[in-house]
PDB file of N, CA and C in Angstrom:
ATOM      1  N   UNK A   1      -2.549 -11.192  14.986  1.00  0.00           N
ATOM      2  CA  UNK A   1      -2.708 -10.097  14.363  1.00  0.00           C
ATOM      3  C   UNK A   1      -3.603  -9.019  15.130  1.00  0.00           C
ATOM      4  N   UNK A   2      -2.775  -7.600  14.742  1.00  0.00           N
ATOM      5  CA  UNK A   2      -3.004  -6.543  15.912  1.00  0.00           C
ATOM      6  C   UNK A   2      -4.983  -6.523  15.549  1.00  0.00           C
ATOM      7  N   UNK A   3      -5.513  -5.295  16.300  1.00  0.00           N
ATOM      8  CA  UNK A   3      -6.548  -5.120  16.055  1.00  0.00           C
ATOM      9  C   UNK A   3      -6.831  -4.446  14.696  1.00  0.00           C
ATOM     10  N   UNK A   4      -7.733  -4.889  14.053  1.00  0.00           N
ATOM     11  CA  UNK A   4      -7.980  -4.068  12.974  1.00  0.00           C
ATOM     12  C   UNK A   4      -9.225  -2.946  13.141  1.00  0.00           C
ATOM     13  N   UNK A   5      -8.260  -2.098  12.382  1.00  0.00           N
ATOM     14  CA  UNK A   5      -9.512  -0.235  12.519  1.00  0.00           C
ATOM     15  C   UNK A   5     -10.881  -0.839  11.080  1.00  0.00           C
ATOM     16  N   UNK A   6     -11.906  -0.491  12.122  1.00  0.00           N
ATOM     17  CA  UNK A   6     -13.044  -0.643  10.464  1.00  0.00           C
ATOM     18  C   UNK A   6     -13.393   0.424   9.796  1.00  0.00           C
ATOM     19  N   UNK A   7     -12.345   1.905   9.831  1.00  0.00           N
ATOM     20  CA  UNK A   7     -12.440   3.242   9.456  1.00  0.00           C
ATOM     21  C   UNK A   7     -12.142   2.633   7.989  1.00  0.00           C
ATOM     22  N   UNK A   8     -13.106   1.660   6.879  1.00  0.00           N
ATOM     23  CA  UNK A   8     -12.858   1.487   5.528  1.00  0.00           C
ATOM     24  C   UNK A   8     -14.033   2.122   4.704  1.00  0.00           C
ATOM     25  N   UNK A   9     -13.477   2.240   3.240  1.00  0.00           N
ATOM     26  CA  UNK A   9     -14.524   2.912   2.887  1.00  0.00           C
ATOM     27  C   UNK A   9     -14.996   1.563   1.517  1.00  0.00           C
ATOM     28  N   UNK A  10     -14.107   0.533   1.297  1.00  0.00           N
ATOM     29  CA  UNK A  10     -13.970  -0.092   0.673  1.00  0.00           C
ATOM     30  C   UNK A  10     -13.630  -1.292   0.965  1.00  0.00           C
ATOM     31  N   UNK A  11     -13.939  -2.807   0.813  1.00  0.00           N
ATOM     32  CA  UNK A  11     -13.302  -3.610   1.342  1.00  0.00           C
ATOM     33  C   UNK A  11     -12.002  -3.993   1.365  1.00  0.00           C
ATOM     34  N   UNK A  12     -11.741  -3.365  -0.096  1.00  0.00           N
ATOM     35  CA  UNK A  12      -9.888  -4.060  -0.538  1.00  0.00           C
ATOM     36  C   UNK A  12      -9.355  -2.702   0.326  1.00  0.00           C
ATOM     37  N   UNK A  13      -9.948  -1.836   1.306  1.00  0.00           N
ATOM     38  CA  UNK A  13      -8.717  -1.047   1.822  1.00  0.00           C
ATOM     39  C   UNK A  13      -8.484  -1.209   2.750  1.00  0.00           C
ATOM     40  N   UNK A  14      -7.052  -0.824   3.297  1.00  0.00           N
ATOM     41  CA  UNK A  14      -7.123  -0.987   4.961  1.00  0.00           C
ATOM     42  C   UNK A  14      -6.726   0.398   5.270  1.00  0.00           C
ATOM     43  N   UNK A  15      -6.664   0.959   6.687  1.00  0.00           N
ATOM     44  CA  UNK A  15      -6.901   2.006   7.409  1.00  0.00           C
ATOM     45  C   UNK A  15      -5.251   2.272   7.044  1.00  0.00           C
ATOM     46  N   UNK A  16      -4.565   3.276   7.317  1.00  0.00           N
ATOM     47  CA  UNK A  16      -2.889   3.369   7.328  1.00  0.00           C
ATOM     48  C   UNK A  16      -2.612   3.171   8.914  1.00  0.00           C
ATOM     49  N   UNK A  17      -3.358   3.463   9.502  1.00  0.00           N
ATOM     50  CA  UNK A  17      -2.996   3.256  10.921  1.00  0.00           C
ATOM     51  C   UNK A  17      -2.752   1.793  10.871  1.00  0.00           C
ATOM     52  N   UNK A  18      -3.619   1.092  10.557  1.00  0.00           N
ATOM     53  CA  UNK A  18      -3.817  -0.594  10.704  1.00  0.00           C
ATOM     54  C   UNK A  18      -2.003  -1.190   9.911  1.00  0.00           C
ATOM     55  N   UNK A  19      -1.524  -0.319   8.700  1.00  0.00           N
ATOM     56  CA  UNK A  19      -0.520  -0.408   8.347  1.00  0.00           C
ATOM     57  C   UNK A  19       1.134  -0.192   9.244  1.00  0.00           C
ATOM     58  N   UNK A  20       0.724   0.905   9.809  1.00  0.00           N
ATOM     59  CA  UNK A  20       1.703   1.379  10.848  1.00  0.00           C
ATOM     60  C   UNK A  20       1.693   0.385  11.942  1.00  0.00           C
ATOM     61  N   UNK A  21       0.759  -0.318  12.196  1.00  0.00           N
ATOM     62  CA  UNK A  21       0.606  -1.519  13.332  1.00  0.00           C
ATOM     63  C   UNK A  21       1.403  -2.204  12.695  1.00  0.00           C
ATOM     64  N   UNK A  22       1.240  -2.598  11.523  1.00  0.00           N
ATOM     65  CA  UNK A  22       1.743  -4.010  11.009  1.00  0.00           C
ATOM     66  C   UNK A  22       3.598  -3.691  10.661  1.00  0.00           C
ATOM     67  N   UNK A  23       3.920  -2.737  10.498  1.00  0.00           N
ATOM     68  CA  UNK A  23       5.516  -1.791  10.033  1.00  0.00           C
ATOM     69  C   UNK A  23       5.726  -2.304  11.766  1.00  0.00           C
ATOM     70  N   UNK A  24       5.430  -1.696  12.514  1.00  0.00           N
ATOM     71  CA  UNK A  24       5.483  -1.738  14.008  1.00  0.00           C
ATOM     72  C   UNK A  24       6.077  -3.391  14.622  1.00  0.00           C
ATOM     73  N   UNK A  25       4.668  -4.010  14.180  1.00  0.00           N
ATOM     74  CA  UNK A  25       5.405  -5.367  14.701  1.00  0.00           C
ATOM     75  C   UNK A  25       5.709  -6.318  13.801  1.00  0.00           C
ATOM     76  N   UNK A  26       6.192  -5.677  12.582  1.00  0.00           N
ATOM     77  CA  UNK A  26       6.896  -6.709  11.843  1.00  0.00           C
ATOM     78  C   UNK A  26       6.400  -7.649  11.280  1.00  0.00           C
ATOM     79  N   UNK A  27       4.757  -7.371  11.157  1.00  0.00           N
ATOM     80  CA  UNK A  27       3.909  -7.923  10.030  1.00  0.00           C
ATOM     81  C   UNK A  27       4.477  -9.207   8.949  1.00  0.00           C
ATOM     82  N   UNK A  28       3.986 -10.064   8.862  1.00  0.00           N
ATOM     83  CA  UNK A  28       4.428 -11.039   7.120  1.00  0.00           C
ATOM     84  C   UNK A  28       3.941 -10.368   6.092  1.00  0.00           C
ATOM     85  N   UNK A  29       3.659  -9.436   5.517  1.00  0.00           N
ATOM     86  CA  UNK A  29       3.413  -8.717   4.560  1.00  0.00           C
ATOM     87  C   UNK A  29       4.110  -7.964   3.489  1.00  0.00           C
ATOM     88  N   UNK A  30       3.761  -7.583   2.463  1.00  0.00           N
ATOM     89  CA  UNK A  30       4.294  -6.882   1.287  1.00  0.00           C
ATOM     90  C   UNK A  30       3.730  -5.346   0.971  1.00  0.00           C
ATOM     91  N   UNK A  31       4.701  -4.290   1.477  1.00  0.00           N
ATOM     92  CA  UNK A  31       3.983  -2.765   1.408  1.00  0.00           C
ATOM     93  C   UNK A  31       4.697  -2.692  -0.009  1.00  0.00           C
ATOM     94  N   UNK A  32       3.718  -2.428  -0.970  1.00  0.00           N
ATOM     95  CA  UNK A  32       4.091  -1.467  -2.567  1.00  0.00           C
ATOM     96  C   UNK A  32       3.593   0.133  -2.568  1.00  0.00           C
ATOM     97  N   UNK A  33       4.613   0.467  -3.165  1.00  0.00           N
ATOM     98  CA  UNK A  33       4.247   2.127  -3.121  1.00  0.00           C
ATOM     99  C   UNK A  33       3.797   2.122  -4.733  1.00  0.00           C
ATOM    100  N   UNK A  34       2.889   2.142  -5.150  1.00  0.00           N
ATOM    101  CA  UNK A  34       2.975   2.532  -6.733  1.00  0.00           C
ATOM    102  C   UNK A  34       2.444   3.339  -7.621  1.00  0.00           C
ATOM    103  N   UNK A  35       3.158   4.908  -6.271  1.00  0.00           N
ATOM    104  CA  UNK A  35       3.700   6.140  -7.631  1.00  0.00           C
ATOM    105  C   UNK A  35       4.874   6.044  -8.440  1.00  0.00           C
ATOM    106  N   UNK A  36       5.266   7.402  -8.794  1.00  0.00           N
ATOM    107  CA  UNK A  36       6.335   7.411  -9.819  1.00  0.00           C
ATOM    108  C   UNK A  36       7.185   7.958  -8.264  1.00  0.00           C
ATOM    109  N   UNK A  37       8.761   7.322  -8.901  1.00  0.00           N
ATOM    110  CA  UNK A  37      10.029   7.734  -8.561  1.00  0.00           C
ATOM    111  C   UNK A  37       9.725   9.354  -8.149  1.00  0.00           C
ATOM    112  N   UNK A  38       9.588  10.326  -9.141  1.00  0.00           N
ATOM    113  CA  UNK A  38       9.733  11.735  -8.369  1.00  0.00           C
ATOM    114  C   UNK A  38       8.736  11.440  -7.129  1.00  0.00           C
ATOM    115  N   UNK A  39       7.666  11.013  -7.069  1.00  0.00           N
ATOM    116  CA  UNK A  39       6.670  11.206  -6.224  1.00  0.00           C
ATOM    117  C   UNK A  39       7.193  10.642  -5.127  1.00  0.00           C
ATOM    118  N   UNK A  40       7.500   9.269  -5.038  1.00  0.00           N
ATOM    119  CA  UNK A  40       8.453   8.194  -3.921  1.00  0.00           C
ATOM    120  C   UNK A  40       9.365   9.715  -3.505  1.00  0.00           C
ATOM    121  N   UNK A  41      10.245  10.239  -4.056  1.00  0.00           N
ATOM    122  CA  UNK A  41      11.690  11.022  -3.944  1.00  0.00           C
ATOM    123  C   UNK A  41      10.892  12.252  -2.746  1.00  0.00           C
ATOM    124  N   UNK A  42       9.851  12.261  -2.907  1.00  0.00           N
ATOM    125  CA  UNK A  42       9.149  13.711  -2.537  1.00  0.00           C
ATOM    126  C   UNK A  42       8.223  13.364  -0.878  1.00  0.00           C
ATOM    127  N   UNK A  43       8.194  12.009  -1.067  1.00  0.00           N
ATOM    128  CA  UNK A  43       7.502  11.455   0.153  1.00  0.00           C
ATOM    129  C   UNK A  43       7.016  10.111  -0.008  1.00  0.00           C
ATOM    130  N   UNK A  44       7.844   9.525   1.300  1.00  0.00           N
ATOM    131  CA  UNK A  44       7.541   7.786   1.600  1.00  0.00           C
ATOM    132  C   UNK A  44       7.716   7.653   2.523  1.00  0.00           C
ATOM    133  N   UNK A  45       7.127   6.544   2.744  1.00  0.00           N
ATOM    134  CA  UNK A  45       6.619   5.499   3.824  1.00  0.00           C
ATOM    135  C   UNK A  45       8.083   4.384   3.985  1.00  0.00           C
ATOM    136  N   UNK A  46       9.009   4.944   5.459  1.00  0.00           N
ATOM    137  CA  UNK A  46       9.790   3.491   5.540  1.00  0.00           C
ATOM    138  C   UNK A  46       9.021   2.036   5.046  1.00  0.00           C
ATOM    139  N   UNK A  47       9.557   1.079   4.891  1.00  0.00           N
ATOM    140  CA  UNK A  47       9.040  -0.242   4.563  1.00  0.00           C
ATOM    141  C   UNK A  47       8.365  -0.501   3.032  1.00  0.00           C
ATOM    142  N   UNK A  48       7.898   0.809   2.622  1.00  0.00           N
ATOM    143  CA  UNK A  48       7.443   0.520   1.583  1.00  0.00           C
ATOM    144  C   UNK A  48       8.297  -0.292   0.125  1.00  0.00           C
ATOM    145  N   UNK A  49       7.857  -0.697  -0.830  1.00  0.00           N
ATOM    146  CA  UNK A  49       9.322  -1.335  -1.945  1.00  0.00           C
ATOM    147  C   UNK A  49       8.001  -0.290  -2.977  1.00  0.00           C
ATOM    148  N   UNK A  50       9.588   0.478  -3.708  1.00  0.00           N
ATOM    149  CA  UNK A  50       8.402   1.257  -4.752  1.00  0.00           C
ATOM    150  C   UNK A  50       8.524   0.102  -6.105  1.00  0.00           C
ATOM    151  N   UNK A  51       7.336  -0.080  -6.400  1.00  0.00           N
ATOM    152  CA  UNK A  51       7.003  -0.462  -7.767  1.00  0.00           C
ATOM    153  C   UNK A  51       5.691   0.270  -8.493  1.00  0.00           C
ATOM    154  N   UNK A  52       6.449   1.063  -9.426  1.00  0.00           N
ATOM    155  CA  UNK A  52       5.262   2.058 -10.065  1.00  0.00           C
ATOM    156  C   UNK A  52       4.037   1.366 -10.618  1.00  0.00           C
ATOM    157  N   UNK A  53       2.933   1.900 -10.481  1.00  0.00           N
ATOM    158  CA  UNK A  53       2.276   1.365 -11.486  1.00  0.00           C
ATOM    159  C   UNK A  53       2.233   1.010 -13.000  1.00  0.00           C
ATOM    160  N   UNK A  54       2.959   1.593 -13.682  1.00  0.00           N
ATOM    161  CA  UNK A  54       3.426   1.519 -15.561  1.00  0.00           C
ATOM    162  C   UNK A  54       4.448   0.595 -15.047  1.00  0.00           C
ATOM    163  N   UNK A  55       4.546   0.343 -14.383  1.00  0.00           N
ATOM    164  CA  UNK A  55       5.961  -1.128 -14.574  1.00  0.00           C
ATOM    165  C   UNK A  55       5.210  -2.154 -13.460  1.00  0.00           C
ATOM    166  N   UNK A  56       3.429  -1.934 -13.758  1.00  0.00           N
ATOM    167  CA  UNK A  56       3.561  -3.537 -12.814  1.00  0.00           C
ATOM    168  C   UNK A  56       3.702  -4.530 -13.598  1.00  0.00           C
ATOM    169  N   UNK A  57       3.193  -4.721 -14.580  1.00  0.00           N
ATOM    170  CA  UNK A  57       3.536  -6.312 -15.269  1.00  0.00           C
ATOM    171  C   UNK A  57       5.170  -6.135 -15.281  1.00  0.00           C
ATOM    172  N   UNK A  58       6.016  -5.724 -15.498  1.00  0.00           N
ATOM    173  CA  UNK A  58       7.199  -5.690 -15.515  1.00  0.00           C
ATOM    174  C   UNK A  58       8.232  -6.623 -13.801  1.00  0.00           C
ATOM    175  N   UNK A  59       7.009  -6.031 -12.840  1.00  0.00           N
ATOM    176  CA  UNK A  59       7.492  -6.331 -11.384  1.00  0.00           C
ATOM    177  C   UNK A  59       6.593  -7.779 -10.917  1.00  0.00           C
ATOM    178  N   UNK A  60       5.703  -8.249 -12.463  1.00  0.00           N
ATOM    179  CA  UNK A  60       4.805  -9.331 -11.569  1.00  0.00           C
ATOM    180  C   UNK A  60       5.670 -10.645 -10.729  1.00  0.00           C
ATOM    181  N   UNK A  61       6.854 -11.166 -11.462  1.00  0.00           N
ATOM    182  CA  UNK A  61       7.506 -12.171 -11.101  1.00  0.00           C
ATOM    183  C   UNK A  61       7.585 -11.587  -9.420  1.00  0.00           C
ATOM    184  N   UNK A  62       8.355 -11.010  -9.022  1.00  0.00           N
ATOM    185  CA  UNK A  62       8.448 -10.166  -7.849  1.00  0.00           C
ATOM    186  C   UNK A  62       7.186 -10.308  -7.010  1.00  0.00           C
ATOM    187  N   UNK A  63       6.476  -9.868  -7.624  1.00  0.00           N
ATOM    188  CA  UNK A  63       4.804  -9.696  -6.332  1.00  0.00           C
ATOM    189  C   UNK A  63       4.367 -11.044  -6.533  1.00  0.00           C
ATOM    190  N   UNK A  64       4.407 -12.277  -7.763  1.00  0.00           N
ATOM    191  CA  UNK A  64       4.447 -13.730  -7.612  1.00  0.00           C
ATOM    192  C   UNK A  64       5.380 -14.202  -5.837  1.00  0.00           C
ATOM    193  N   UNK A  65       5.946 -13.664  -5.599  1.00  0.00           N
ATOM    194  CA  UNK A  65       7.658 -14.426  -4.736  1.00  0.00           C
ATOM    195  C   UNK A  65       6.506 -13.859  -3.483  1.00  0.00           C
ATOM    196  N   UNK A  66       5.410 -12.584  -3.507  1.00  0.00           N
ATOM    197  CA  UNK A  66       4.377 -12.387  -2.213  1.00  0.00           C
ATOM    198  C   UNK A  66       3.259 -12.786  -1.812  1.00  0.00           C
ATOM    199  N   UNK A  67       3.205 -13.856  -3.039  1.00  0.00           N
ATOM    200  CA  UNK A  67       1.431 -14.047  -3.115  1.00  0.00           C
ATOM    201  C   UNK A  67       0.486 -14.124  -2.418  1.00  0.00           C
ATOM    202  N   UNK A  68       1.981 -15.273  -1.449  1.00  0.00           N
ATOM    203  CA  UNK A  68       1.046 -16.094  -0.341  1.00  0.00           C
ATOM    204  C   UNK A  68       0.726 -15.394   1.048  1.00  0.00           C
ATOM    205  N   UNK A  69       0.848 -13.996   0.851  1.00  0.00           N
ATOM    206  CA  UNK A  69       0.659 -13.520   2.069  1.00  0.00           C
ATOM    207  C   UNK A  69       0.026 -11.898   1.320  1.00  0.00           C
ATOM    208  N   UNK A  70      -0.344 -11.422   2.709  1.00  0.00           N
ATOM    209  CA  UNK A  70      -1.095 -10.245   2.091  1.00  0.00           C
ATOM    210  C   UNK A  70      -0.305  -9.028   1.677  1.00  0.00           C
ATOM    211  N   UNK A  71      -0.368  -8.284   0.414  1.00  0.00           N
ATOM    212  CA  UNK A  71      -0.037  -7.226  -0.241  1.00  0.00           C
ATOM    213  C   UNK A  71      -0.872  -6.353   0.394  1.00  0.00           C
ATOM    214  N   UNK A  72      -0.047  -4.972   0.661  1.00  0.00           N
ATOM    215  CA  UNK A  72      -0.671  -3.711   0.962  1.00  0.00           C
ATOM    216  C   UNK A  72       0.099  -2.362  -0.146  1.00  0.00           C
ATOM    217  N   UNK A  73      -1.325  -1.732  -1.099  1.00  0.00           N
ATOM    218  CA  UNK A  73      -0.455  -1.144  -2.323  1.00  0.00           C
ATOM    219  C   UNK A  73      -0.749   0.395  -1.632  1.00  0.00           C
ATOM    220  N   UNK A  74       0.164   1.315  -1.992  1.00  0.00           N
ATOM    221  CA  UNK A  74      -0.628   2.634  -1.652  1.00  0.00           C
ATOM    222  C   UNK A  74       0.597   3.528  -2.621  1.00  0.00           C
ATOM    223  N   UNK A  75      -0.661   4.402  -2.149  1.00  0.00           N
ATOM    224  CA  UNK A  75      -0.109   6.012  -3.526  1.00  0.00           C
ATOM    225  C   UNK A  75      -0.626   7.147  -3.247  1.00  0.00           C
ATOM    226  N   UNK A  76      -0.522   8.288  -3.779  1.00  0.00           N
ATOM    227  CA  UNK A  76      -0.832   9.243  -2.904  1.00  0.00           C
ATOM    228  C   UNK A  76      -2.043   9.690  -1.981  1.00  0.00           C
ATOM    229  N   UNK A  77      -3.586   9.416  -3.074  1.00  0.00           N
ATOM    230  CA  UNK A  77      -4.566   9.113  -2.209  1.00  0.00           C
ATOM    231  C   UNK A  77      -5.580   8.371  -2.404  1.00  0.00           C
ATOM    232  N   UNK A  78      -5.282   6.928  -2.351  1.00  0.00           N
ATOM    233  CA  UNK A  78      -5.890   5.524  -2.631  1.00  0.00           C
ATOM    234  C   UNK A  78      -6.534   5.063  -3.628  1.00  0.00           C
ATOM    235  N   UNK A  79      -6.617   6.439  -4.788  1.00  0.00           N
ATOM    236  CA  UNK A  79      -7.057   5.998  -5.741  1.00  0.00           C
ATOM    237  C   UNK A  79      -6.321   4.722  -6.911  1.00  0.00           C
ATOM    238  N   UNK A  80      -5.281   5.128  -7.024  1.00  0.00           N
ATOM    239  CA  UNK A  80      -4.198   4.262  -7.904  1.00  0.00           C
ATOM    240  C   UNK A  80      -3.969   2.805  -7.133  1.00  0.00           C
ATOM    241  N   UNK A  81      -3.590   3.190  -5.468  1.00  0.00           N
ATOM    242  CA  UNK A  81      -3.720   2.094  -5.380  1.00  0.00           C
ATOM    243  C   UNK A  81      -4.766   0.718  -5.172  1.00  0.00           C
ATOM    244  N   UNK A  82      -6.055   1.348  -5.307  1.00  0.00           N
ATOM    245  CA  UNK A  82      -6.970   0.702  -5.210  1.00  0.00           C
ATOM    246  C   UNK A  82      -7.132  -0.254  -6.783  1.00  0.00           C
ATOM    247  N   UNK A  83      -6.673   0.921  -7.907  1.00  0.00           N
ATOM    248  CA  UNK A  83      -6.604   0.394  -9.794  1.00  0.00           C
ATOM    249  C   UNK A  83      -6.249  -0.639  -9.227  1.00  0.00           C
ATOM    250  N   UNK A  84      -4.526  -0.664  -8.667  1.00  0.00           N
ATOM    251  CA  UNK A  84      -3.548  -1.202  -8.489  1.00  0.00           C
ATOM    252  C   UNK A  84      -4.113  -2.888  -8.172  1.00  0.00           C
ATOM    253  N   UNK A  85      -4.679  -2.702  -6.686  1.00  0.00           N
ATOM    254  CA  UNK A  85      -5.358  -4.089  -6.187  1.00  0.00           C
ATOM    255  C   UNK A  85      -6.625  -4.669  -6.770  1.00  0.00           C
ATOM    256  N   UNK A  86      -6.964  -3.834  -7.873  1.00  0.00           N
ATOM    257  CA  UNK A  86      -8.179  -4.627  -8.621  1.00  0.00           C
ATOM    258  C   UNK A  86      -7.540  -5.432  -9.771  1.00  0.00           C
ATOM    259  N   UNK A  87      -6.729  -4.760 -10.297  1.00  0.00           N
ATOM    260  CA  UNK A  87      -5.382  -4.762 -11.424  1.00  0.00           C
ATOM    261  C   UNK A  87      -4.767  -6.671 -10.552  1.00  0.00           C
ATOM    262  N   UNK A  88      -4.091  -6.337  -9.590  1.00  0.00           N
ATOM    263  CA  UNK A  88      -3.596  -7.681  -8.989  1.00  0.00           C
ATOM    264  C   UNK A  88      -4.431  -8.434  -8.382  1.00  0.00           C
ATOM    265  N   UNK A  89      -5.801  -8.724  -8.212  1.00  0.00           N
ATOM    266  CA  UNK A  89      -6.893  -9.538  -7.594  1.00  0.00           C
ATOM    267  C   UNK A  89      -7.172  -9.823  -8.904  1.00  0.00           C
ATOM    268  N   UNK A  90      -7.056  -9.164 -10.542  1.00  0.00           N
ATOM    269  CA  UNK A  90      -8.065  -9.733 -11.576  1.00  0.00           C
ATOM    270  C   UNK A  90      -7.008 -10.901 -11.733  1.00  0.00           C
ATOM    271  N   UNK A  91      -5.590 -10.941 -11.646  1.00  0.00           N
ATOM    272  CA  UNK A  91      -4.205 -11.693 -12.094  1.00  0.00           C
ATOM    273  C   UNK A  91      -4.189 -12.725 -10.763  1.00  0.00           C
ATOM    274  N   UNK A  92      -5.506 -13.217  -9.977  1.00  0.00           N
ATOM    275  CA  UNK A  92      -5.086 -13.766  -9.317  1.00  0.00           C
ATOM    276  C   UNK A  92      -4.842 -14.018  -7.605  1.00  0.00           C
ATOM    277  N   UNK A  93      -4.502 -12.432  -7.309  1.00  0.00           N
ATOM    278  CA  UNK A  93      -3.546 -12.338  -6.082  1.00  0.00           C
ATOM    279  C   UNK A  93      -4.921 -12.036  -4.973  1.00  0.00           C
ATOM    280  N   UNK A  94      -4.702 -13.019  -4.587  1.00  0.00           N
ATOM    281  CA  UNK A  94      -6.521 -13.153  -3.617  1.00  0.00           C
ATOM    282  C   UNK A  94      -6.228 -12.296  -2.286  1.00  0.00           C
ATOM    283  N   UNK A  95      -5.187 -12.122  -1.802  1.00  0.00           N
ATOM    284  CA  UNK A  95      -4.855 -10.853  -0.461  1.00  0.00           C
ATOM    285  C   UNK A  95      -4.592  -9.921  -0.834  1.00  0.00           C
ATOM    286  N   UNK A  96      -5.136  -8.380  -1.278  1.00  0.00           N
ATOM    287  CA  UNK A  96      -4.317  -7.422  -1.627  1.00  0.00           C
ATOM    288  C   UNK A  96      -5.428  -6.746  -1.565  1.00  0.00           C
ATOM    289  N   UNK A  97      -4.501  -5.406  -0.630  1.00  0.00           N
ATOM    290  CA  UNK A  97      -5.554  -4.280  -0.123  1.00  0.00           C
ATOM    291  C   UNK A  97      -4.883  -2.836  -0.362  1.00  0.00           C
ATOM    292  N   UNK A  98      -5.835  -2.040  -0.611  1.00  0.00           N
ATOM    293  CA  UNK A  98      -5.441  -0.160  -0.598  1.00  0.00           C
ATOM    294  C   UNK A  98      -4.869   0.300   0.488  1.00  0.00           C
ATOM    295  N   UNK A  99      -4.060   0.897   0.938  1.00  0.00           N
ATOM    296  CA  UNK A  99      -4.225   1.907   2.039  1.00  0.00           C
ATOM    297  C   UNK A  99      -5.002   2.967   1.784  1.00  0.00           C
ATOM    298  N   UNK A 100      -6.301   2.977   2.466  1.00  0.00           N
ATOM    299  CA  UNK A 100      -7.171   4.374   2.366  1.00  0.00           C
ATOM    300  C   UNK A 100      -6.482   5.793   2.652  1.00  0.00           C
ATOM    301  N   UNK A 101      -6.833   6.496   1.839  1.00  0.00           N
ATOM    302  CA  UNK A 101      -6.418   7.671   1.642  1.00  0.00           C
ATOM    303  C   UNK A 101      -4.666   7.954   1.160  1.00  0.00           C
ATOM    304  N   UNK A 102      -4.761   6.862   0.605  1.00  0.00           N
ATOM    305  CA  UNK A 102      -2.845   6.905   0.458  1.00  0.00           C
ATOM    306  C   UNK A 102      -1.858   7.706   1.574  1.00  0.00           C
ATOM    307  N   UNK A 103      -0.737   8.499   1.046  1.00  0.00           N
ATOM    308  CA  UNK A 103       0.356   8.819   2.057  1.00  0.00           C
ATOM    309  C   UNK A 103      -0.303  10.142   2.401  1.00  0.00           C
ATOM    310  N   UNK A 104      -1.281  11.029   1.621  1.00  0.00           N
ATOM    311  CA  UNK A 104      -2.235  11.746   2.689  1.00  0.00           C
ATOM    312  C   UNK A 104      -2.567  11.500   3.626  1.00  0.00           C
ATOM    313  N   UNK A 105      -3.306  10.747   3.722  1.00  0.00           N
ATOM    314  CA  UNK A 105      -3.921  10.199   5.377  1.00  0.00           C
ATOM    315  C   UNK A 105      -2.895   9.243   5.888  1.00  0.00           C
ATOM    316  N   UNK A 106      -1.599   8.784   5.605  1.00  0.00           N
ATOM    317  CA  UNK A 106      -0.982   8.610   6.154  1.00  0.00           C
ATOM    318  C   UNK A 106      -0.217   9.789   7.001  1.00  0.00           C
ATOM    319  N   UNK A 107       0.174  10.496   6.449  1.00  0.00           N
ATOM    320  CA  UNK A 107       0.622  12.061   6.941  1.00  0.00           C
ATOM    321  C   UNK A 107      -0.249  12.363   8.038  1.00  0.00           C
ATOM    322  N   UNK A 108      -1.375  12.421   7.876  1.00  0.00           N
ATOM    323  CA  UNK A 108      -2.502  12.910   8.269  1.00  0.00           C
ATOM    324  C   UNK A 108      -2.725  12.014   9.931  1.00  0.00           C
ATOM    325  N   UNK A 109      -2.800  11.045   9.375  1.00  0.00           N
ATOM    326  CA  UNK A 109      -3.505   9.950  10.718  1.00  0.00           C
ATOM    327  C   UNK A 109      -1.946   9.361  11.331  1.00  0.00           C
ATOM    328  N   UNK A 110      -0.811   9.327  10.545  1.00  0.00           N
ATOM    329  CA  UNK A 110       0.237   8.615  11.554  1.00  0.00           C
ATOM    330  C   UNK A 110       1.351   9.311  11.729  1.00  0.00           C
ATOM    331  N   UNK A 111       1.890  10.082  10.317  1.00  0.00           N
ATOM    332  CA  UNK A 111       2.925  10.048  10.866  1.00  0.00           C
ATOM    333  C   UNK A 111       3.234  11.926  10.234  1.00  0.00           C
ATOM    334  N   UNK A 112       2.967  13.013  10.746  1.00  0.00           N
ATOM    335  CA  UNK A 112       2.836  14.524  10.291  1.00  0.00           C
ATOM    336  C   UNK A 112       4.354  14.786   9.381  1.00  0.00           C
ATOM    337  N   UNK A 113       5.262  14.031  10.092  1.00  0.00           N
ATOM    338  CA  UNK A 113       6.600  14.933   9.386  1.00  0.00           C
ATOM    339  C   UNK A 113       6.555  14.035   7.718  1.00  0.00           C
ATOM    340  N   UNK A 114       5.566  13.042   6.819  1.00  0.00           N
ATOM    341  CA  UNK A 114       5.736  12.625   6.198  1.00  0.00           C
ATOM    342  C   UNK A 114       5.115  13.929   5.089  1.00  0.00           C
ATOM    343  N   UNK A 115       5.821  14.670   4.041  1.00  0.00           N
ATOM    344  CA  UNK A 115       5.388  15.792   3.447  1.00  0.00           C
ATOM    345  C   UNK A 115       3.670  15.323   2.643  1.00  0.00           C
ATOM    346  N   UNK A 116       3.177  16.443   2.970  1.00  0.00           N
ATOM    347  CA  UNK A 116       2.243  16.191   1.617  1.00  0.00           C
ATOM    348  C   UNK A 116       2.692  17.005   0.755  1.00  0.00           C
ATOM    349  N   UNK A 117       1.849  16.454  -0.912  1.00  0.00           N
ATOM    350  CA  UNK A 117       1.972  17.390  -2.016  1.00  0.00           C
ATOM    351  C   UNK A 117       1.068  17.112  -2.816  1.00  0.00           C
TER     352      UNK A 117
END
């Protein structure tokens, strides 16, 4: 595992730079975008699977397939993804993290070509 940035606000968060490194090194994790389809169309990070927050229960079987690895959840600013992280942890998922600052921070810290909205 690559060096992990310690710039996080909550123990359940991971910095966008660390997610970028994990994507680049093809680390074995599941990257989930919990925003709406319209938001995903406006701006997205390659490698993230869209599972809207409101449809979370419908996608539980898919998520259970990834239960044995790290699941990283992202949204626009990091608030919804932290809520989804908490919900998944309540469902017994032990290794779930929210991408701190969401796609806004991704655009600022990792890839400025990703639009902010």
